Amino acid sequence: MFFFPFVYTVSPYELNPSAILLPPSFENPFGTDRLGRDIFARILVGGQTSLIIGFLSALIASMIGLIIGITAGYFRGKVDGAITIIIDLFLTFPTFFLLLALVSYMSASIFVLIVVISITGWMGMARLIRSESFAITNKPFIKILNLAKVSKSKIILKYYAPLLAPIFLVSFTFGVGGAILAESGLSFLGLGINPPQMSWGSLLSSGKEVMDIAPWVSFFPGLMIFLVTFCLIQISDYLQQKVNDK
């Protein structure tokens, strides 16, 4: 998907007044939009934007959650109490409304969306990692390492990280789908990616006015969002099953 624009070389920006709102055909597999632009080409380029935002924001959010979760589970006590309060405060606000509030105060761009989605997406990972870190901290070999005065950074990197890697991978995969949906929702509302840039959400939004006469303008971007997020959720479920089997 990410490299398809290099294979399908039709310009997503080329205007064609004689091909406005054409239905899907051999020449235009997904039809054309209100300005005669090829929807398939626009979906491929928009998919690059959506996937970049999805993967990078999920990666950053997962890393934040991993660091915070391990810190709470390893040090416990007052550190854990303070982190738990912070997590609960973030969870008090509905995530999507928090996204809307943050984006409304700044000009949207790929970088801004990555940062905003990351800020609002780390809490689930942090709580999960915190719970697993508590279990690891109670293991006898961790207590022995602490008694032996082994450095905390070495214990975390050498022993915690490998044990938490499968859980991190599962949560990250699930987070990518959630980040793509978040970006799509913001762009659909006009608070995300703005022209001339495009994403699946902005392409979906662009077809609202012509839904009755040209449903394919919104249908295909929506279909891509559904297929990619559904596949990511299935991958996440498969990885989780593998982890549980171990």
C-alpha atoms as a PDB file:
ATOM      1  CA  MET A   1       0.000   0.000   0.000  1.00  0.00           C
ATOM      2  CA  PHE A   2       2.684   2.490   1.022  1.00  0.00           C
ATOM      3  CA  PHE A   3       4.702   2.037  -2.193  1.00  0.00           C
ATOM      4  CA  PHE A   4       1.787   1.726  -4.631  1.00  0.00           C
ATOM      5  CA  PRO A   5       1.975   5.402  -5.718  1.00  0.00           C
ATOM      6  CA  PHE A   6       5.328   4.591  -7.309  1.00  0.00           C
ATOM      7  CA  VAL A   7       3.634   1.889  -9.397  1.00  0.00           C
ATOM      8  CA  TYR A   8       0.356   3.631 -10.223  1.00  0.00           C
ATOM      9  CA  THR A   9       1.795   6.853 -11.637  1.00  0.00           C
ATOM     10  CA  VAL A  10      -1.439   8.784 -12.343  1.00  0.00           C
ATOM     11  CA  SER A  11      -1.229  12.217 -10.720  1.00  0.00           C
ATOM     12  CA  PRO A  12      -3.597  12.678  -7.751  1.00  0.00           C
ATOM     13  CA  TYR A  13      -3.572  16.454  -8.339  1.00  0.00           C
ATOM     14  CA  GLU A  14      -4.303  16.636 -12.082  1.00  0.00           C
ATOM     15  CA  LEU A  15      -7.625  18.352 -12.832  1.00  0.00           C
ATOM     16  CA  ASN A  16      -9.772  17.080 -15.686  1.00  0.00           C
ATOM     17  CA  PRO A  17     -12.928  19.166 -16.377  1.00  0.00           C
ATOM     18  CA  SER A  18     -14.152  16.567 -18.880  1.00  0.00           C
ATOM     19  CA  ALA A  19     -14.038  13.720 -16.315  1.00  0.00           C
ATOM     20  CA  ILE A  20     -15.941  15.123 -13.329  1.00  0.00           C
ATOM     21  CA  LEU A  21     -17.599  12.554 -11.034  1.00  0.00           C
ATOM     22  CA  LEU A  22     -17.096   9.625 -13.363  1.00  0.00           C
ATOM     23  CA  PRO A  23     -18.011   6.224 -11.870  1.00  0.00           C
ATOM     24  CA  PRO A  24     -15.365   3.486 -11.459  1.00  0.00           C
ATOM     25  CA  SER A  25     -14.022   2.244 -14.783  1.00  0.00           C
ATOM     26  CA  PHE A  26     -10.972   0.571 -16.269  1.00  0.00           C
ATOM     27  CA  GLU A  27      -9.339   3.966 -16.793  1.00  0.00           C
ATOM     28  CA  ASN A  28     -10.259   5.227 -13.311  1.00  0.00           C
ATOM     29  CA  PRO A  29     -10.601   2.163 -11.016  1.00  0.00           C
ATOM     30  CA  PHE A  30     -12.230   4.143  -8.188  1.00  0.00           C
ATOM     31  CA  GLY A  31     -13.842   6.849 -10.334  1.00  0.00           C
ATOM     32  CA  THR A  32     -13.150  10.588 -10.200  1.00  0.00           C
ATOM     33  CA  ASP A  33     -14.069  13.402  -7.814  1.00  0.00           C
ATOM     34  CA  ARG A  34     -15.719  16.799  -8.298  1.00  0.00           C
ATOM     35  CA  LEU A  35     -12.621  18.212  -9.995  1.00  0.00           C
ATOM     36  CA  GLY A  36     -12.012  15.231 -12.235  1.00  0.00           C
ATOM     37  CA  ARG A  37      -9.091  13.902 -10.186  1.00  0.00           C
ATOM     38  CA  ASP A  38      -8.421  10.168 -10.066  1.00  0.00           C
ATOM     39  CA  ILE A  39      -9.689   8.860  -6.716  1.00  0.00           C
ATOM     40  CA  PHE A  40      -7.515   5.737  -6.752  1.00  0.00           C
ATOM     41  CA  ALA A  41      -4.362   7.846  -7.093  1.00  0.00           C
ATOM     42  CA  ARG A  42      -5.547  10.144  -4.318  1.00  0.00           C
ATOM     43  CA  ILE A  43      -6.317   7.211  -2.031  1.00  0.00           C
ATOM     44  CA  LEU A  44      -2.814   5.818  -2.542  1.00  0.00           C
ATOM     45  CA  VAL A  45      -1.156   9.138  -1.713  1.00  0.00           C
ATOM     46  CA  GLY A  46      -3.599   9.808   1.123  1.00  0.00           C
ATOM     47  CA  GLY A  47      -2.859   6.336   2.453  1.00  0.00           C
ATOM     48  CA  GLN A  48       0.808   7.266   2.819  1.00  0.00           C
ATOM     49  CA  THR A  49      -0.177  10.194   5.027  1.00  0.00           C
ATOM     50  CA  SER A  50      -2.619   8.147   7.116  1.00  0.00           C
ATOM     51  CA  LEU A  51      -0.142   5.301   7.604  1.00  0.00           C
ATOM     52  CA  ILE A  52       2.718   7.643   8.529  1.00  0.00           C
ATOM     53  CA  ILE A  53       0.538   9.383  11.119  1.00  0.00           C
ATOM     54  CA  GLY A  54      -0.823   6.060  12.372  1.00  0.00           C
ATOM     55  CA  PHE A  55       2.490   4.246  12.773  1.00  0.00           C
ATOM     56  CA  LEU A  56       4.548   7.155  14.138  1.00  0.00           C
ATOM     57  CA  SER A  57       1.921   8.342  16.623  1.00  0.00           C
ATOM     58  CA  ALA A  58       1.323   4.763  17.812  1.00  0.00           C
ATOM     59  CA  LEU A  59       5.072   4.223  18.171  1.00  0.00           C
ATOM     60  CA  ILE A  60       5.567   7.401  20.197  1.00  0.00           C
ATOM     61  CA  ALA A  61       2.503   6.730  22.354  1.00  0.00           C
ATOM     62  CA  SER A  62       3.626   3.132  22.941  1.00  0.00           C
ATOM     63  CA  MET A  63       7.128   4.226  23.934  1.00  0.00           C
ATOM     64  CA  ILE A  64       5.712   6.802  26.367  1.00  0.00           C
ATOM     65  CA  GLY A  65       3.389   4.174  27.832  1.00  0.00           C
ATOM     66  CA  LEU A  66       6.227   1.648  28.070  1.00  0.00           C
ATOM     67  CA  ILE A  67       8.536   4.037  29.928  1.00  0.00           C
ATOM     68  CA  ILE A  68       5.825   5.266  32.291  1.00  0.00           C
ATOM     69  CA  GLY A  69       4.477   1.755  32.915  1.00  0.00           C
ATOM     70  CA  ILE A  70       7.887   0.260  33.710  1.00  0.00           C
ATOM     71  CA  THR A  71       8.724   3.206  35.973  1.00  0.00           C
ATOM     72  CA  ALA A  72       5.510   2.734  37.955  1.00  0.00           C
ATOM     73  CA  GLY A  73       5.853  -1.052  38.180  1.00  0.00           C
ATOM     74  CA  TYR A  74       9.529  -1.058  39.110  1.00  0.00           C
ATOM     75  CA  PHE A  75       9.740   1.769  41.633  1.00  0.00           C
ATOM     76  CA  ARG A  76       6.187   1.383  43.032  1.00  0.00           C
ATOM     77  CA  GLY A  77       5.269   3.307  46.189  1.00  0.00           C
ATOM     78  CA  LYS A  78       4.898   7.065  45.779  1.00  0.00           C
ATOM     79  CA  VAL A  79       6.174   6.981  42.197  1.00  0.00           C
ATOM     80  CA  ASP A  80       3.470   4.510  41.237  1.00  0.00           C
ATOM     81  CA  GLY A  81       0.839   6.525  43.098  1.00  0.00           C
ATOM     82  CA  ALA A  82       1.743   9.745  41.276  1.00  0.00           C
ATOM     83  CA  ILE A  83       1.791   8.024  37.878  1.00  0.00           C
ATOM     84  CA  THR A  84      -1.557   6.360  38.549  1.00  0.00           C
ATOM     85  CA  ILE A  85      -3.116   9.742  39.328  1.00  0.00           C
ATOM     86  CA  ILE A  86      -1.735  11.206  36.079  1.00  0.00           C
ATOM     87  CA  ILE A  87      -3.068   8.269  34.054  1.00  0.00           C
ATOM     88  CA  ASP A  88      -6.486   8.556  35.689  1.00  0.00           C
ATOM     89  CA  LEU A  89      -6.594  12.295  34.980  1.00  0.00           C
ATOM     90  CA  PHE A  90      -5.949  11.687  31.277  1.00  0.00           C
ATOM     91  CA  LEU A  91      -8.519   8.903  31.199  1.00  0.00           C
ATOM     92  CA  THR A  92     -11.119  11.207  32.771  1.00  0.00           C
ATOM     93  CA  PHE A  93     -11.436  13.097  29.480  1.00  0.00           C
ATOM     94  CA  PRO A  94     -12.966  11.324  26.470  1.00  0.00           C
ATOM     95  CA  THR A  95     -10.029  10.792  24.126  1.00  0.00           C
ATOM     96  CA  PHE A  96     -11.634  12.127  20.961  1.00  0.00           C
ATOM     97  CA  PHE A  97     -12.892  15.305  22.647  1.00  0.00           C
ATOM     98  CA  LEU A  98      -9.405  15.825  24.075  1.00  0.00           C
ATOM     99  CA  LEU A  99      -8.065  15.488  20.524  1.00  0.00           C
ATOM    100  CA  LEU A 100     -10.575  18.066  19.298  1.00  0.00           C
ATOM    101  CA  ALA A 101      -9.607  20.469  22.066  1.00  0.00           C
ATOM    102  CA  LEU A 102      -5.890  20.195  21.330  1.00  0.00           C
ATOM    103  CA  VAL A 103      -6.184  20.432  17.545  1.00  0.00           C
ATOM    104  CA  SER A 104      -8.547  23.418  17.667  1.00  0.00           C
ATOM    105  CA  TYR A 105      -5.778  25.556  19.205  1.00  0.00           C
ATOM    106  CA  MET A 106      -3.130  24.865  16.569  1.00  0.00           C
ATOM    107  CA  SER A 107      -2.819  24.639  12.813  1.00  0.00           C
ATOM    108  CA  ALA A 108      -3.111  20.997  11.800  1.00  0.00           C
ATOM    109  CA  SER A 109      -0.225  19.297   9.994  1.00  0.00           C
ATOM    110  CA  ILE A 110       1.226  15.804   9.875  1.00  0.00           C
ATOM    111  CA  PHE A 111       3.670  16.664  12.684  1.00  0.00           C
ATOM    112  CA  VAL A 112       0.987  18.273  14.861  1.00  0.00           C
ATOM    113  CA  LEU A 113      -1.394  15.336  14.413  1.00  0.00           C
ATOM    114  CA  ILE A 114       1.348  12.840  15.313  1.00  0.00           C
ATOM    115  CA  VAL A 115       2.146  14.765  18.505  1.00  0.00           C
ATOM    116  CA  VAL A 116      -1.502  15.281  19.499  1.00  0.00           C
ATOM    117  CA  ILE A 117      -2.547  11.661  18.875  1.00  0.00           C
ATOM    118  CA  SER A 118       0.543  10.472  20.767  1.00  0.00           C
ATOM    119  CA  ILE A 119      -0.308  12.647  23.769  1.00  0.00           C
ATOM    120  CA  THR A 120      -3.802  11.192  23.952  1.00  0.00           C
ATOM    121  CA  GLY A 121      -2.932   7.564  23.210  1.00  0.00           C
ATOM    122  CA  TRP A 122      -0.367   6.354  25.734  1.00  0.00           C
ATOM    123  CA  MET A 123      -2.586   5.635  28.771  1.00  0.00           C
ATOM    124  CA  GLY A 124      -3.757   2.147  27.791  1.00  0.00           C
ATOM    125  CA  MET A 125      -0.207   0.970  27.130  1.00  0.00           C
ATOM    126  CA  ALA A 126       0.998   2.507  30.417  1.00  0.00           C
ATOM    127  CA  ARG A 127      -1.650   0.712  32.499  1.00  0.00           C
ATOM    128  CA  LEU A 128      -0.994  -2.619  30.823  1.00  0.00           C
ATOM    129  CA  ILE A 129       2.796  -2.358  31.160  1.00  0.00           C
ATOM    130  CA  ARG A 130       2.446  -1.168  34.759  1.00  0.00           C
ATOM    131  CA  SER A 131       0.435  -4.268  35.632  1.00  0.00           C
ATOM    132  CA  GLU A 132       2.929  -6.612  33.988  1.00  0.00           C
ATOM    133  CA  SER A 133       5.882  -4.764  35.545  1.00  0.00           C
ATOM    134  CA  PHE A 134       4.439  -5.377  39.009  1.00  0.00           C
ATOM    135  CA  ALA A 135       4.440  -9.107  38.284  1.00  0.00           C
ATOM    136  CA  ILE A 136       8.034  -9.003  37.025  1.00  0.00           C
ATOM    137  CA  THR A 137       9.191  -6.947  40.024  1.00  0.00           C
ATOM    138  CA  ASN A 138       7.897  -9.649  42.377  1.00  0.00           C
ATOM    139  CA  LYS A 139       9.907 -12.393  40.680  1.00  0.00           C
ATOM    140  CA  PRO A 140      12.755 -13.795  42.815  1.00  0.00           C
ATOM    141  CA  PHE A 141      15.529 -13.093  40.309  1.00  0.00           C
ATOM    142  CA  ILE A 142      14.627  -9.384  40.215  1.00  0.00           C
ATOM    143  CA  LYS A 143      14.820  -9.217  44.009  1.00  0.00           C
ATOM    144  CA  ILE A 144      18.219 -10.932  43.891  1.00  0.00           C
ATOM    145  CA  LEU A 145      19.473  -8.437  41.296  1.00  0.00           C
ATOM    146  CA  ASN A 146      18.322  -5.553  43.485  1.00  0.00           C
ATOM    147  CA  LEU A 147      20.080  -7.045  46.517  1.00  0.00           C
ATOM    148  CA  ALA A 148      23.219  -7.432  44.399  1.00  0.00           C
ATOM    149  CA  LYS A 149      23.141  -3.676  43.694  1.00  0.00           C
ATOM    150  CA  VAL A 150      22.818  -4.160  39.945  1.00  0.00           C
ATOM    151  CA  SER A 151      22.067  -0.803  38.296  1.00  0.00           C
ATOM    152  CA  LYS A 152      18.389  -0.068  37.764  1.00  0.00           C
ATOM    153  CA  SER A 153      18.898   0.843  34.120  1.00  0.00           C
ATOM    154  CA  LYS A 154      20.603  -2.490  33.435  1.00  0.00           C
ATOM    155  CA  ILE A 155      17.817  -4.434  35.157  1.00  0.00           C
ATOM    156  CA  ILE A 156      15.146  -2.602  33.170  1.00  0.00           C
ATOM    157  CA  LEU A 157      16.871  -2.889  29.789  1.00  0.00           C
ATOM    158  CA  LYS A 158      18.165  -6.448  30.150  1.00  0.00           C
ATOM    159  CA  TYR A 159      15.314  -8.142  32.005  1.00  0.00           C
ATOM    160  CA  TYR A 160      12.147  -6.051  31.828  1.00  0.00           C
ATOM    161  CA  ALA A 161      12.322  -5.058  28.162  1.00  0.00           C
ATOM    162  CA  PRO A 162      12.541  -8.615  26.700  1.00  0.00           C
ATOM    163  CA  LEU A 163       9.709  -9.870  28.912  1.00  0.00           C
ATOM    164  CA  LEU A 164       7.487  -6.932  27.986  1.00  0.00           C
ATOM    165  CA  ALA A 165       8.315  -6.935  24.251  1.00  0.00           C
ATOM    166  CA  PRO A 166       5.425  -9.248  23.181  1.00  0.00           C
ATOM    167  CA  ILE A 167       2.882  -7.151  25.102  1.00  0.00           C
ATOM    168  CA  PHE A 168       4.370  -3.975  23.638  1.00  0.00           C
ATOM    169  CA  LEU A 169       4.064  -5.372  20.100  1.00  0.00           C
ATOM    170  CA  VAL A 170       0.434  -6.370  20.596  1.00  0.00           C
ATOM    171  CA  SER A 171      -0.541  -2.973  22.022  1.00  0.00           C
ATOM    172  CA  PHE A 172       1.423  -1.127  19.355  1.00  0.00           C
ATOM    173  CA  THR A 173      -0.340  -2.988  16.533  1.00  0.00           C
ATOM    174  CA  PHE A 174      -3.710  -2.207  18.074  1.00  0.00           C
ATOM    175  CA  GLY A 175      -2.640   1.409  18.602  1.00  0.00           C
ATOM    176  CA  VAL A 176      -1.841   1.917  14.922  1.00  0.00           C
ATOM    177  CA  GLY A 177      -5.448   1.165  13.991  1.00  0.00           C
ATOM    178  CA  GLY A 178      -6.726   3.519  16.668  1.00  0.00           C
ATOM    179  CA  ALA A 179      -4.389   6.296  15.508  1.00  0.00           C
ATOM    180  CA  ILE A 180      -5.543   5.938  11.888  1.00  0.00           C
ATOM    181  CA  LEU A 181      -9.163   6.153  13.023  1.00  0.00           C
ATOM    182  CA  ALA A 182      -8.384   9.211  15.164  1.00  0.00           C
ATOM    183  CA  GLU A 183      -6.694  11.001  12.264  1.00  0.00           C
ATOM    184  CA  SER A 184      -9.532  10.067   9.920  1.00  0.00           C
ATOM    185  CA  GLY A 185     -12.117  11.398  12.355  1.00  0.00           C
ATOM    186  CA  LEU A 186     -10.310  14.721  12.768  1.00  0.00           C
ATOM    187  CA  SER A 187      -9.790  15.123   9.017  1.00  0.00           C
ATOM    188  CA  PHE A 188     -13.419  14.224   8.359  1.00  0.00           C
ATOM    189  CA  LEU A 189     -14.451  17.069  10.674  1.00  0.00           C
ATOM    190  CA  GLY A 190     -12.089  19.459   8.894  1.00  0.00           C
ATOM    191  CA  LEU A 191      -9.615  19.644  11.791  1.00  0.00           C
ATOM    192  CA  GLY A 192      -6.985  17.329  10.354  1.00  0.00           C
ATOM    193  CA  ILE A 193      -5.083  17.248   7.090  1.00  0.00           C
ATOM    194  CA  ASN A 194      -5.855  20.228   4.847  1.00  0.00           C
ATOM    195  CA  PRO A 195      -5.444  20.615   1.055  1.00  0.00           C
ATOM    196  CA  PRO A 196      -3.251  20.232  -0.897  1.00  0.00           C
ATOM    197  CA  GLN A 197      -2.208  17.421   1.463  1.00  0.00           C
ATOM    198  CA  MET A 198      -4.621  14.532   1.718  1.00  0.00           C
ATOM    199  CA  SER A 199      -5.428  11.573   3.932  1.00  0.00           C
ATOM    200  CA  TRP A 200      -8.158   8.963   3.936  1.00  0.00           C
ATOM    201  CA  GLY A 201     -10.148  11.052   6.385  1.00  0.00           C
ATOM    202  CA  SER A 202      -9.980  14.214   4.295  1.00  0.00           C
ATOM    203  CA  LEU A 203     -10.866  12.257   1.139  1.00  0.00           C
ATOM    204  CA  LEU A 204     -13.832  10.736   2.944  1.00  0.00           C
ATOM    205  CA  SER A 205     -14.957  14.203   4.002  1.00  0.00           C
ATOM    206  CA  SER A 206     -14.611  15.628   0.485  1.00  0.00           C
ATOM    207  CA  GLY A 207     -17.371  13.340  -0.795  1.00  0.00           C
ATOM    208  CA  LYS A 208     -20.047  14.377   1.719  1.00  0.00           C
ATOM    209  CA  GLU A 209     -21.672  16.930  -0.592  1.00  0.00           C
ATOM    210  CA  VAL A 210     -21.968  14.517  -3.531  1.00  0.00           C
ATOM    211  CA  MET A 211     -22.916  11.384  -1.600  1.00  0.00           C
ATOM    212  CA  ASP A 212     -26.304  11.122  -3.332  1.00  0.00           C
ATOM    213  CA  ILE A 213     -24.988  11.315  -6.895  1.00  0.00           C
ATOM    214  CA  ALA A 214     -21.441   9.963  -6.535  1.00  0.00           C
ATOM    215  CA  PRO A 215     -21.175   7.656  -3.499  1.00  0.00           C
ATOM    216  CA  TRP A 216     -17.841   6.230  -4.684  1.00  0.00           C
ATOM    217  CA  VAL A 217     -16.053   9.484  -3.746  1.00  0.00           C
ATOM    218  CA  SER A 218     -16.525   8.692  -0.033  1.00  0.00           C
ATOM    219  CA  PHE A 219     -17.032   4.940  -0.250  1.00  0.00           C
ATOM    220  CA  PHE A 220     -13.522   3.942  -1.293  1.00  0.00           C
ATOM    221  CA  PRO A 221     -11.612   6.045   1.289  1.00  0.00           C
ATOM    222  CA  GLY A 222     -13.981   4.694   3.961  1.00  0.00           C
ATOM    223  CA  LEU A 223     -13.422   1.160   2.686  1.00  0.00           C
ATOM    224  CA  MET A 224      -9.643   1.557   2.949  1.00  0.00           C
ATOM    225  CA  ILE A 225      -9.918   2.846   6.528  1.00  0.00           C
ATOM    226  CA  PHE A 226     -12.093  -0.141   7.418  1.00  0.00           C
ATOM    227  CA  LEU A 227      -9.866  -2.741   5.726  1.00  0.00           C
ATOM    228  CA  VAL A 228      -6.591  -1.470   7.179  1.00  0.00           C
ATOM    229  CA  THR A 229      -7.889  -1.056  10.734  1.00  0.00           C
ATOM    230  CA  PHE A 230      -9.683  -4.420  10.570  1.00  0.00           C
ATOM    231  CA  CYS A 231      -6.475  -6.144   9.418  1.00  0.00           C
ATOM    232  CA  LEU A 232      -4.458  -4.457  12.161  1.00  0.00           C
ATOM    233  CA  ILE A 233      -6.960  -5.574  14.804  1.00  0.00           C
ATOM    234  CA  GLN A 234      -6.809  -9.137  13.468  1.00  0.00           C
ATOM    235  CA  ILE A 235      -3.008  -9.053  13.592  1.00  0.00           C
ATOM    236  CA  SER A 236      -3.158  -7.729  17.143  1.00  0.00           C
ATOM    237  CA  ASP A 237      -5.574 -10.514  18.171  1.00  0.00           C
ATOM    238  CA  TYR A 238      -3.316 -13.125  16.550  1.00  0.00           C
ATOM    239  CA  LEU A 239      -0.232 -11.820  18.338  1.00  0.00           C
ATOM    240  CA  GLN A 240      -2.117 -11.720  21.629  1.00  0.00           C
ATOM    241  CA  GLN A 241      -3.185 -15.325  21.167  1.00  0.00           C
ATOM    242  CA  LYS A 242       0.421 -16.333  20.503  1.00  0.00           C
ATOM    243  CA  VAL A 243       1.578 -14.508  23.626  1.00  0.00           C
ATOM    244  CA  ASN A 244      -1.107 -16.164  25.744  1.00  0.00           C
ATOM    245  CA  ASP A 245      -0.213 -19.596  24.385  1.00  0.00           C
ATOM    246  CA  LYS A 246       3.323 -19.118  25.653  1.00  0.00           C
END
